[in-house]
Amino acid sequence: MTLFLRQFFAELLKMFARKRTWIGFVAFVALELLVLLLSQTDKAKRGFRTFLESHGAMFDEYFGGLTLAFNMMALTVALLGAIFVALVAGDIVSKEVEDGTMRMTLCRPVSRLRVLGVKLLASLLYCFVLIIFIGITALLTGLAWQGLGSLCAVIPEEKLLAFYPPREGLIRYFVAMPCFGLSFCTIVSLAFMLSCCNMKPASATIVCLAVLFVDRILDFWPQFVSFKPWFMTSHMVTWLNVFRSPMPVWKMAEDYLYLIGLNVTFILIGCAVFLRRDLKS
């Protein structure tokens, strides 16, 4: 176990030593600062007022940091976060194979499964760290902008419309962050599987995002509503159920069991492919 932990920490150091690992953190800080600056303008305030009042919320009560943080999480992370998570997870194995360092690693008395296990855990940890970082910094940005305020959670595509006082809204917001990270583990496992295949790091990232976006596009089409349970993104948005009242715990458990099964399938396929690969050439 001590050797495994040492190898795990070494993998984390190697991961965070790469500049591309930090792109997601920098990009979201820049985005949050941009939103903060734009929200100070009169046009932005009028837009927020129209949006809130059209959904039955009082502008002065819900025009606050908690509502801003929720919108940052729900409307930006689903797209930008997926890109950066897929970039890191799609790079984790294929980049070392491409650089030739994987052959040197496997010359040592360590199994391929252990190497893959360490890299998978590092990718999953990065996913949760990124989501929690975005959630906390978005909330801090909102607090610096307008104070806490009450929470207005509105996602028309998911038929979500909820209003909460500051204390309950804050609790639900912090509960939603690890749930969001758990949903994003599916992107990690898919990108990891592709990274184990014989393809370039950029190809693994692009194919992962293509599968994800096609799945989401098909999920949006009303003609395919009968196929909705088969689309993985329809289960990944289950983290939004944290903001429903009452919270559909059993529905969330069902969605996460589906995603866990999908994750295990992706990981097993990736491991099976990598174990059969010839890295000599």
C-alpha atoms as a PDB file:
ATOM      1  CA  MET A   1       0.000   0.000   0.000  1.00  0.00           C
ATOM      2  CA  THR A   2       2.861   2.397   0.806  1.00  0.00           C
ATOM      3  CA  LEU A   3       4.380   1.792  -2.622  1.00  0.00           C
ATOM      4  CA  PHE A   4       0.993   2.388  -4.263  1.00  0.00           C
ATOM      5  CA  LEU A   5       0.540   5.704  -2.428  1.00  0.00           C
ATOM      6  CA  ARG A   6       4.034   6.822  -3.388  1.00  0.00           C
ATOM      7  CA  GLN A   7       3.302   5.994  -6.993  1.00  0.00           C
ATOM      8  CA  PHE A   8      -0.049   7.810  -6.742  1.00  0.00           C
ATOM      9  CA  PHE A   9       1.516  10.987  -5.344  1.00  0.00           C
ATOM     10  CA  ALA A  10       4.226  10.823  -8.003  1.00  0.00           C
ATOM     11  CA  GLU A  11       1.514  10.628 -10.645  1.00  0.00           C
ATOM     12  CA  LEU A  12      -0.216  13.676  -9.150  1.00  0.00           C
ATOM     13  CA  LEU A  13       3.058  15.619  -9.206  1.00  0.00           C
ATOM     14  CA  LYS A  14       3.596  14.619 -12.811  1.00  0.00           C
ATOM     15  CA  MET A  15       0.029  15.596 -13.741  1.00  0.00           C
ATOM     16  CA  PHE A  16       0.074  19.020 -12.092  1.00  0.00           C
ATOM     17  CA  ALA A  17       3.549  19.728 -13.475  1.00  0.00           C
ATOM     18  CA  ARG A  18       2.004  19.886 -16.952  1.00  0.00           C
ATOM     19  CA  LYS A  19       0.826  23.332 -17.991  1.00  0.00           C
ATOM     20  CA  ARG A  20      -2.325  22.007 -19.671  1.00  0.00           C
ATOM     21  CA  THR A  21      -3.571  20.707 -16.308  1.00  0.00           C
ATOM     22  CA  TRP A  22      -3.879  24.289 -15.058  1.00  0.00           C
ATOM     23  CA  ILE A  23      -5.703  25.618 -18.136  1.00  0.00           C
ATOM     24  CA  GLY A  24      -9.103  24.787 -16.655  1.00  0.00           C
ATOM     25  CA  PHE A  25      -8.403  26.592 -13.382  1.00  0.00           C
ATOM     26  CA  VAL A  26      -7.072  29.706 -15.129  1.00  0.00           C
ATOM     27  CA  ALA A  27      -9.879  29.738 -17.703  1.00  0.00           C
ATOM     28  CA  PHE A  28     -12.626  29.630 -15.075  1.00  0.00           C
ATOM     29  CA  VAL A  29     -11.032  32.313 -12.912  1.00  0.00           C
ATOM     30  CA  ALA A  30     -10.824  34.528 -16.009  1.00  0.00           C
ATOM     31  CA  LEU A  31     -14.442  33.733 -16.887  1.00  0.00           C
ATOM     32  CA  GLU A  32     -15.641  34.517 -13.367  1.00  0.00           C
ATOM     33  CA  LEU A  33     -13.809  37.854 -13.370  1.00  0.00           C
ATOM     34  CA  LEU A  34     -15.287  38.654 -16.783  1.00  0.00           C
ATOM     35  CA  VAL A  35     -18.802  37.876 -15.535  1.00  0.00           C
ATOM     36  CA  LEU A  36     -18.136  40.000 -12.453  1.00  0.00           C
ATOM     37  CA  LEU A  37     -17.107  42.981 -14.589  1.00  0.00           C
ATOM     38  CA  LEU A  38     -19.960  42.616 -17.074  1.00  0.00           C
ATOM     39  CA  SER A  39     -22.555  42.230 -14.315  1.00  0.00           C
ATOM     40  CA  GLN A  40     -21.714  45.727 -13.063  1.00  0.00           C
ATOM     41  CA  THR A  41     -23.093  47.324 -16.226  1.00  0.00           C
ATOM     42  CA  ASP A  42     -26.625  48.665 -16.470  1.00  0.00           C
ATOM     43  CA  LYS A  43     -27.463  46.462 -19.446  1.00  0.00           C
ATOM     44  CA  ALA A  44     -26.475  43.337 -17.526  1.00  0.00           C
ATOM     45  CA  LYS A  45     -28.542  44.382 -14.508  1.00  0.00           C
ATOM     46  CA  ARG A  46     -31.565  44.990 -16.712  1.00  0.00           C
ATOM     47  CA  GLY A  47     -31.046  41.557 -18.235  1.00  0.00           C
ATOM     48  CA  PHE A  48     -30.867  39.942 -14.777  1.00  0.00           C
ATOM     49  CA  ARG A  49     -33.971  41.866 -13.683  1.00  0.00           C
ATOM     50  CA  THR A  50     -35.937  40.695 -16.714  1.00  0.00           C
ATOM     51  CA  PHE A  51     -34.755  37.119 -16.238  1.00  0.00           C
ATOM     52  CA  LEU A  52     -35.594  36.986 -12.515  1.00  0.00           C
ATOM     53  CA  GLU A  53     -38.924  38.779 -12.715  1.00  0.00           C
ATOM     54  CA  SER A  54     -40.023  36.650 -15.676  1.00  0.00           C
ATOM     55  CA  HIS A  55     -39.628  33.624 -13.385  1.00  0.00           C
ATOM     56  CA  GLY A  56     -41.478  35.190 -10.459  1.00  0.00           C
ATOM     57  CA  ALA A  57     -38.433  36.206  -8.409  1.00  0.00           C
ATOM     58  CA  MET A  58     -37.867  39.610  -6.785  1.00  0.00           C
ATOM     59  CA  PHE A  59     -34.818  41.292  -8.258  1.00  0.00           C
ATOM     60  CA  ASP A  60     -33.499  42.807  -5.014  1.00  0.00           C
ATOM     61  CA  GLU A  61     -33.800  39.507  -3.143  1.00  0.00           C
ATOM     62  CA  TYR A  62     -32.373  37.100  -5.715  1.00  0.00           C
ATOM     63  CA  PHE A  63     -29.852  39.362  -7.485  1.00  0.00           C
ATOM     64  CA  GLY A  64     -26.965  38.024  -5.407  1.00  0.00           C
ATOM     65  CA  GLY A  65     -23.870  35.884  -5.333  1.00  0.00           C
ATOM     66  CA  LEU A  66     -25.648  32.583  -4.767  1.00  0.00           C
ATOM     67  CA  THR A  67     -27.759  32.916  -7.903  1.00  0.00           C
ATOM     68  CA  LEU A  68     -24.705  33.998  -9.893  1.00  0.00           C
ATOM     69  CA  ALA A  69     -22.674  31.049  -8.594  1.00  0.00           C
ATOM     70  CA  PHE A  70     -25.434  28.603  -9.543  1.00  0.00           C
ATOM     71  CA  ASN A  71     -25.624  30.010 -13.062  1.00  0.00           C
ATOM     72  CA  MET A  72     -21.855  29.767 -13.382  1.00  0.00           C
ATOM     73  CA  MET A  73     -21.955  26.119 -12.321  1.00  0.00           C
ATOM     74  CA  ALA A  74     -24.978  25.063 -14.351  1.00  0.00           C
ATOM     75  CA  LEU A  75     -24.473  27.055 -17.554  1.00  0.00           C
ATOM     76  CA  THR A  76     -20.695  27.073 -18.043  1.00  0.00           C
ATOM     77  CA  VAL A  77     -19.153  24.065 -16.287  1.00  0.00           C
ATOM     78  CA  ALA A  78     -21.215  21.569 -18.271  1.00  0.00           C
ATOM     79  CA  LEU A  79     -19.478  22.751 -21.459  1.00  0.00           C
ATOM     80  CA  LEU A  80     -16.096  24.209 -20.520  1.00  0.00           C
ATOM     81  CA  GLY A  81     -15.541  21.820 -17.624  1.00  0.00           C
ATOM     82  CA  ALA A  82     -16.116  18.844 -19.891  1.00  0.00           C
ATOM     83  CA  ILE A  83     -13.425  20.110 -22.265  1.00  0.00           C
ATOM     84  CA  PHE A  84     -10.751  20.431 -19.588  1.00  0.00           C
ATOM     85  CA  VAL A  85     -11.616  17.150 -17.862  1.00  0.00           C
ATOM     86  CA  ALA A  86     -11.516  15.311 -21.200  1.00  0.00           C
ATOM     87  CA  LEU A  87      -8.208  17.025 -22.020  1.00  0.00           C
ATOM     88  CA  VAL A  88      -6.494  15.766 -18.860  1.00  0.00           C
ATOM     89  CA  ALA A  89      -8.045  12.273 -18.791  1.00  0.00           C
ATOM     90  CA  GLY A  90      -7.519  11.759 -22.524  1.00  0.00           C
ATOM     91  CA  ASP A  91      -3.877  12.709 -22.081  1.00  0.00           C
ATOM     92  CA  ILE A  92      -3.108  10.596 -19.025  1.00  0.00           C
ATOM     93  CA  VAL A  93      -2.045   7.383 -20.797  1.00  0.00           C
ATOM     94  CA  SER A  94      -1.685   8.212 -24.489  1.00  0.00           C
ATOM     95  CA  LYS A  95       0.715  11.104 -23.886  1.00  0.00           C
ATOM     96  CA  GLU A  96       3.188   8.875 -22.055  1.00  0.00           C
ATOM     97  CA  VAL A  97       2.901   6.214 -24.760  1.00  0.00           C
ATOM     98  CA  GLU A  98       3.551   8.877 -27.395  1.00  0.00           C
ATOM     99  CA  ASP A  99       6.558  10.292 -25.512  1.00  0.00           C
ATOM    100  CA  GLY A 100       7.986   6.822 -24.843  1.00  0.00           C
ATOM    101  CA  THR A 101       8.022   7.231 -21.052  1.00  0.00           C
ATOM    102  CA  MET A 102       5.412   4.483 -20.650  1.00  0.00           C
ATOM    103  CA  ARG A 103       7.902   1.894 -21.934  1.00  0.00           C
ATOM    104  CA  MET A 104      10.418   3.024 -19.319  1.00  0.00           C
ATOM    105  CA  THR A 105       7.769   2.800 -16.589  1.00  0.00           C
ATOM    106  CA  LEU A 106       6.812  -0.742 -17.562  1.00  0.00           C
ATOM    107  CA  CYS A 107      10.466  -1.845 -17.502  1.00  0.00           C
ATOM    108  CA  ARG A 108      10.207  -1.681 -13.717  1.00  0.00           C
ATOM    109  CA  PRO A 109       8.600  -4.444 -11.617  1.00  0.00           C
ATOM    110  CA  VAL A 110       5.112  -2.948 -11.694  1.00  0.00           C
ATOM    111  CA  SER A 111       2.036  -4.339 -13.404  1.00  0.00           C
ATOM    112  CA  ARG A 112       0.162  -2.541 -16.133  1.00  0.00           C
ATOM    113  CA  LEU A 113      -3.003  -2.677 -14.056  1.00  0.00           C
ATOM    114  CA  ARG A 114      -1.331  -0.803 -11.215  1.00  0.00           C
ATOM    115  CA  VAL A 115      -0.091   1.860 -13.618  1.00  0.00           C
ATOM    116  CA  LEU A 116      -3.580   2.258 -15.066  1.00  0.00           C
ATOM    117  CA  GLY A 117      -5.157   2.274 -11.597  1.00  0.00           C
ATOM    118  CA  VAL A 118      -2.883   5.069 -10.411  1.00  0.00           C
ATOM    119  CA  LYS A 119      -3.552   7.144 -13.519  1.00  0.00           C
ATOM    120  CA  LEU A 120      -7.306   6.611 -13.269  1.00  0.00           C
ATOM    121  CA  LEU A 121      -7.403   7.689  -9.615  1.00  0.00           C
ATOM    122  CA  ALA A 122      -5.336  10.772 -10.439  1.00  0.00           C
ATOM    123  CA  SER A 123      -7.764  11.695 -13.233  1.00  0.00           C
ATOM    124  CA  LEU A 124     -10.791  11.240 -10.952  1.00  0.00           C
ATOM    125  CA  LEU A 125      -9.174  13.358  -8.254  1.00  0.00           C
ATOM    126  CA  TYR A 126      -8.463  16.102 -10.785  1.00  0.00           C
ATOM    127  CA  CYS A 127     -12.123  16.036 -11.838  1.00  0.00           C
ATOM    128  CA  PHE A 128     -13.395  16.580  -8.288  1.00  0.00           C
ATOM    129  CA  VAL A 129     -10.742  19.191  -7.498  1.00  0.00           C
ATOM    130  CA  LEU A 130     -11.648  21.185 -10.623  1.00  0.00           C
ATOM    131  CA  ILE A 131     -15.406  21.085  -9.922  1.00  0.00           C
ATOM    132  CA  ILE A 132     -15.000  22.071  -6.263  1.00  0.00           C
ATOM    133  CA  PHE A 133     -12.531  24.813  -7.207  1.00  0.00           C
ATOM    134  CA  ILE A 134     -14.976  26.249  -9.743  1.00  0.00           C
ATOM    135  CA  GLY A 135     -17.872  26.040  -7.299  1.00  0.00           C
ATOM    136  CA  ILE A 136     -16.019  27.781  -4.462  1.00  0.00           C
ATOM    137  CA  THR A 137     -14.423  30.487  -6.613  1.00  0.00           C
ATOM    138  CA  ALA A 138     -17.750  31.186  -8.348  1.00  0.00           C
ATOM    139  CA  LEU A 139     -19.389  31.608  -4.957  1.00  0.00           C
ATOM    140  CA  LEU A 140     -16.592  33.853  -3.680  1.00  0.00           C
ATOM    141  CA  THR A 141     -16.854  35.922  -6.856  1.00  0.00           C
ATOM    142  CA  GLY A 142     -20.586  36.264  -6.321  1.00  0.00           C
ATOM    143  CA  LEU A 143     -20.121  37.268  -2.680  1.00  0.00           C
ATOM    144  CA  ALA A 144     -17.607  39.934  -3.673  1.00  0.00           C
ATOM    145  CA  TRP A 145     -20.024  41.138  -6.354  1.00  0.00           C
ATOM    146  CA  GLN A 146     -23.367  41.440  -4.605  1.00  0.00           C
ATOM    147  CA  GLY A 147     -23.339  39.574  -1.290  1.00  0.00           C
ATOM    148  CA  LEU A 148     -24.988  36.199  -0.703  1.00  0.00           C
ATOM    149  CA  GLY A 149     -28.668  36.768  -1.477  1.00  0.00           C
ATOM    150  CA  SER A 150     -31.298  34.086  -2.002  1.00  0.00           C
ATOM    151  CA  LEU A 151     -31.002  31.337  -4.600  1.00  0.00           C
ATOM    152  CA  CYS A 152     -32.950  31.289  -7.843  1.00  0.00           C
ATOM    153  CA  ALA A 153     -32.279  28.000  -9.659  1.00  0.00           C
ATOM    154  CA  VAL A 154     -33.743  28.041 -13.166  1.00  0.00           C
ATOM    155  CA  ILE A 155     -32.889  25.588 -15.960  1.00  0.00           C
ATOM    156  CA  PRO A 156     -35.796  25.562 -18.469  1.00  0.00           C
ATOM    157  CA  GLU A 157     -34.381  22.597 -20.434  1.00  0.00           C
ATOM    158  CA  GLU A 158     -34.557  20.436 -17.316  1.00  0.00           C
ATOM    159  CA  LYS A 159     -37.859  21.956 -16.110  1.00  0.00           C
ATOM    160  CA  LEU A 160     -36.128  23.237 -12.991  1.00  0.00           C
ATOM    161  CA  LEU A 161     -37.567  26.279 -11.219  1.00  0.00           C
ATOM    162  CA  ALA A 162     -36.745  26.635  -7.531  1.00  0.00           C
ATOM    163  CA  PHE A 163     -36.330  29.449  -4.991  1.00  0.00           C
ATOM    164  CA  TYR A 164     -34.544  29.086  -1.673  1.00  0.00           C
ATOM    165  CA  PRO A 165     -33.589  31.411   1.194  1.00  0.00           C
ATOM    166  CA  PRO A 166     -29.844  32.031   1.655  1.00  0.00           C
ATOM    167  CA  ARG A 167     -29.174  29.311   4.255  1.00  0.00           C
ATOM    168  CA  GLU A 168     -30.997  26.482   2.466  1.00  0.00           C
ATOM    169  CA  GLY A 169     -29.702  27.616  -0.907  1.00  0.00           C
ATOM    170  CA  LEU A 170     -26.130  27.560   0.363  1.00  0.00           C
ATOM    171  CA  ILE A 171     -26.548  24.045   1.786  1.00  0.00           C
ATOM    172  CA  ARG A 172     -27.975  22.728  -1.468  1.00  0.00           C
ATOM    173  CA  TYR A 173     -25.217  24.460  -3.422  1.00  0.00           C
ATOM    174  CA  PHE A 174     -22.460  22.712  -1.440  1.00  0.00           C
ATOM    175  CA  VAL A 175     -24.260  19.360  -1.689  1.00  0.00           C
ATOM    176  CA  ALA A 176     -24.509  19.815  -5.461  1.00  0.00           C
ATOM    177  CA  MET A 177     -20.749  20.221  -5.992  1.00  0.00           C
ATOM    178  CA  PRO A 178     -19.685  16.618  -5.182  1.00  0.00           C
ATOM    179  CA  CYS A 179     -22.773  15.361  -7.036  1.00  0.00           C
ATOM    180  CA  PHE A 180     -21.671  17.342 -10.078  1.00  0.00           C
ATOM    181  CA  GLY A 181     -18.194  15.860  -9.758  1.00  0.00           C
ATOM    182  CA  LEU A 182     -19.673  12.359  -9.604  1.00  0.00           C
ATOM    183  CA  SER A 183     -21.565  13.038 -12.830  1.00  0.00           C
ATOM    184  CA  PHE A 184     -18.359  14.212 -14.506  1.00  0.00           C
ATOM    185  CA  CYS A 185     -16.628  10.932 -13.635  1.00  0.00           C
ATOM    186  CA  THR A 186     -18.327   9.505 -16.725  1.00  0.00           C
ATOM    187  CA  ILE A 187     -16.356  11.921 -18.895  1.00  0.00           C
ATOM    188  CA  VAL A 188     -13.181  10.851 -17.091  1.00  0.00           C
ATOM    189  CA  SER A 189     -13.838   7.143 -17.645  1.00  0.00           C
ATOM    190  CA  LEU A 190     -14.719   7.657 -21.330  1.00  0.00           C
ATOM    191  CA  ALA A 191     -11.616   9.767 -21.987  1.00  0.00           C
ATOM    192  CA  PHE A 192      -9.503   7.287 -20.004  1.00  0.00           C
ATOM    193  CA  MET A 193     -10.770   4.393 -22.129  1.00  0.00           C
ATOM    194  CA  LEU A 194      -9.892   6.256 -25.332  1.00  0.00           C
ATOM    195  CA  SER A 195      -6.500   7.204 -23.907  1.00  0.00           C
ATOM    196  CA  CYS A 196      -5.741   3.498 -23.420  1.00  0.00           C
ATOM    197  CA  CYS A 197      -6.411   2.859 -27.102  1.00  0.00           C
ATOM    198  CA  ASN A 198      -3.874   3.306 -29.864  1.00  0.00           C
ATOM    199  CA  MET A 199      -4.525   6.966 -30.637  1.00  0.00           C
ATOM    200  CA  LYS A 200      -2.932  10.353 -30.120  1.00  0.00           C
ATOM    201  CA  PRO A 201      -3.763  12.374 -26.968  1.00  0.00           C
ATOM    202  CA  ALA A 202      -5.567  15.041 -28.997  1.00  0.00           C
ATOM    203  CA  SER A 203      -7.593  12.365 -30.791  1.00  0.00           C
ATOM    204  CA  ALA A 204      -8.668  10.804 -27.495  1.00  0.00           C
ATOM    205  CA  THR A 205      -9.875  14.196 -26.228  1.00  0.00           C
ATOM    206  CA  ILE A 206     -11.688  15.091 -29.448  1.00  0.00           C
ATOM    207  CA  VAL A 207     -13.420  11.720 -29.758  1.00  0.00           C
ATOM    208  CA  CYS A 208     -14.520  11.894 -26.106  1.00  0.00           C
ATOM    209  CA  LEU A 209     -16.004  15.369 -26.580  1.00  0.00           C
ATOM    210  CA  ALA A 210     -17.618  14.358 -29.871  1.00  0.00           C
ATOM    211  CA  VAL A 211     -19.365  11.407 -28.213  1.00  0.00           C
ATOM    212  CA  LEU A 212     -20.459  13.621 -25.324  1.00  0.00           C
ATOM    213  CA  PHE A 213     -21.819  16.427 -27.510  1.00  0.00           C
ATOM    214  CA  VAL A 214     -23.600  14.069 -29.926  1.00  0.00           C
ATOM    215  CA  ASP A 215     -25.202  12.333 -26.954  1.00  0.00           C
ATOM    216  CA  ARG A 216     -26.360  15.695 -25.576  1.00  0.00           C
ATOM    217  CA  ILE A 217     -27.689  16.882 -28.946  1.00  0.00           C
ATOM    218  CA  LEU A 218     -29.744  13.738 -29.387  1.00  0.00           C
ATOM    219  CA  ASP A 219     -30.972  14.077 -25.807  1.00  0.00           C
ATOM    220  CA  PHE A 220     -32.351  17.541 -26.647  1.00  0.00           C
ATOM    221  CA  TRP A 221     -34.405  16.363 -29.626  1.00  0.00           C
ATOM    222  CA  PRO A 222     -38.077  15.929 -28.614  1.00  0.00           C
ATOM    223  CA  GLN A 223     -38.485  13.232 -31.294  1.00  0.00           C
ATOM    224  CA  PHE A 224     -36.089  11.010 -29.331  1.00  0.00           C
ATOM    225  CA  VAL A 225     -37.765  11.381 -25.954  1.00  0.00           C
ATOM    226  CA  SER A 226     -38.455   7.633 -25.827  1.00  0.00           C
ATOM    227  CA  PHE A 227     -34.683   7.019 -26.067  1.00  0.00           C
ATOM    228  CA  LYS A 228     -33.859   9.466 -23.261  1.00  0.00           C
ATOM    229  CA  PRO A 229     -33.022   6.755 -20.663  1.00  0.00           C
ATOM    230  CA  TRP A 230     -30.295   5.482 -23.010  1.00  0.00           C
ATOM    231  CA  PHE A 231     -28.444   8.800 -23.281  1.00  0.00           C
ATOM    232  CA  MET A 232     -25.695   9.204 -20.701  1.00  0.00           C
ATOM    233  CA  THR A 233     -26.031  12.994 -20.509  1.00  0.00           C
ATOM    234  CA  SER A 234     -29.671  12.656 -19.454  1.00  0.00           C
ATOM    235  CA  HIS A 235     -28.366  10.825 -16.372  1.00  0.00           C
ATOM    236  CA  MET A 236     -25.389  13.144 -15.864  1.00  0.00           C
ATOM    237  CA  VAL A 237     -27.663  16.151 -15.248  1.00  0.00           C
ATOM    238  CA  THR A 238     -29.165  14.398 -12.236  1.00  0.00           C
ATOM    239  CA  TRP A 239     -27.013  16.608  -9.977  1.00  0.00           C
ATOM    240  CA  LEU A 240     -29.547  19.383 -10.684  1.00  0.00           C
ATOM    241  CA  ASN A 241     -32.108  17.359  -8.724  1.00  0.00           C
ATOM    242  CA  VAL A 242     -30.351  18.597  -5.584  1.00  0.00           C
ATOM    243  CA  PHE A 243     -32.182  21.881  -6.176  1.00  0.00           C
ATOM    244  CA  ARG A 244     -35.626  20.314  -6.472  1.00  0.00           C
ATOM    245  CA  SER A 245     -38.009  20.215  -3.541  1.00  0.00           C
ATOM    246  CA  PRO A 246     -38.483  17.564  -2.397  1.00  0.00           C
ATOM    247  CA  MET A 247     -35.175  16.132  -3.543  1.00  0.00           C
ATOM    248  CA  PRO A 248     -35.792  12.959  -5.639  1.00  0.00           C
ATOM    249  CA  VAL A 249     -33.198  10.836  -3.853  1.00  0.00           C
ATOM    250  CA  TRP A 250     -34.257   7.543  -5.420  1.00  0.00           C
ATOM    251  CA  LYS A 251     -34.209   9.035  -8.928  1.00  0.00           C
ATOM    252  CA  MET A 252     -30.691  10.350  -8.285  1.00  0.00           C
ATOM    253  CA  ALA A 253     -29.566   6.978  -6.935  1.00  0.00           C
ATOM    254  CA  GLU A 254     -30.918   5.272 -10.064  1.00  0.00           C
ATOM    255  CA  ASP A 255     -29.125   7.738 -12.343  1.00  0.00           C
ATOM    256  CA  TYR A 256     -25.833   7.369 -10.498  1.00  0.00           C
ATOM    257  CA  LEU A 257     -26.061   3.574 -10.549  1.00  0.00           C
ATOM    258  CA  TYR A 258     -26.500   3.785 -14.326  1.00  0.00           C
ATOM    259  CA  LEU A 259     -23.473   6.097 -14.599  1.00  0.00           C
ATOM    260  CA  ILE A 260     -21.358   3.885 -12.328  1.00  0.00           C
ATOM    261  CA  GLY A 261     -22.177   0.887 -14.513  1.00  0.00           C
ATOM    262  CA  LEU A 262     -21.191   2.915 -17.568  1.00  0.00           C
ATOM    263  CA  ASN A 263     -17.957   4.019 -15.896  1.00  0.00           C
ATOM    264  CA  VAL A 264     -17.000   0.463 -14.981  1.00  0.00           C
ATOM    265  CA  THR A 265     -17.673  -0.643 -18.564  1.00  0.00           C
ATOM    266  CA  PHE A 266     -15.485   2.105 -20.027  1.00  0.00           C
ATOM    267  CA  ILE A 267     -12.668   1.385 -17.571  1.00  0.00           C
ATOM    268  CA  LEU A 268     -12.734  -2.371 -18.160  1.00  0.00           C
ATOM    269  CA  ILE A 269     -12.650  -1.885 -21.930  1.00  0.00           C
ATOM    270  CA  GLY A 270      -9.760   0.551 -21.624  1.00  0.00           C
ATOM    271  CA  CYS A 271      -7.788  -1.795 -19.378  1.00  0.00           C
ATOM    272  CA  ALA A 272      -8.447  -4.778 -21.647  1.00  0.00           C
ATOM    273  CA  VAL A 273      -7.231  -2.847 -24.695  1.00  0.00           C
ATOM    274  CA  PHE A 274      -4.107  -1.539 -22.950  1.00  0.00           C
ATOM    275  CA  LEU A 275      -3.150  -4.952 -21.553  1.00  0.00           C
ATOM    276  CA  ARG A 276      -3.125  -6.375 -25.090  1.00  0.00           C
ATOM    277  CA  ARG A 277      -1.205  -3.481 -26.647  1.00  0.00           C
ATOM    278  CA  ASP A 278       2.339  -3.928 -27.929  1.00  0.00           C
ATOM    279  CA  LEU A 279       4.358  -0.905 -26.774  1.00  0.00           C
ATOM    280  CA  LYS A 280       7.649  -2.033 -28.292  1.00  0.00           C
ATOM    281  CA  SER A 281       7.075  -0.347 -31.619  1.00  0.00           C
END
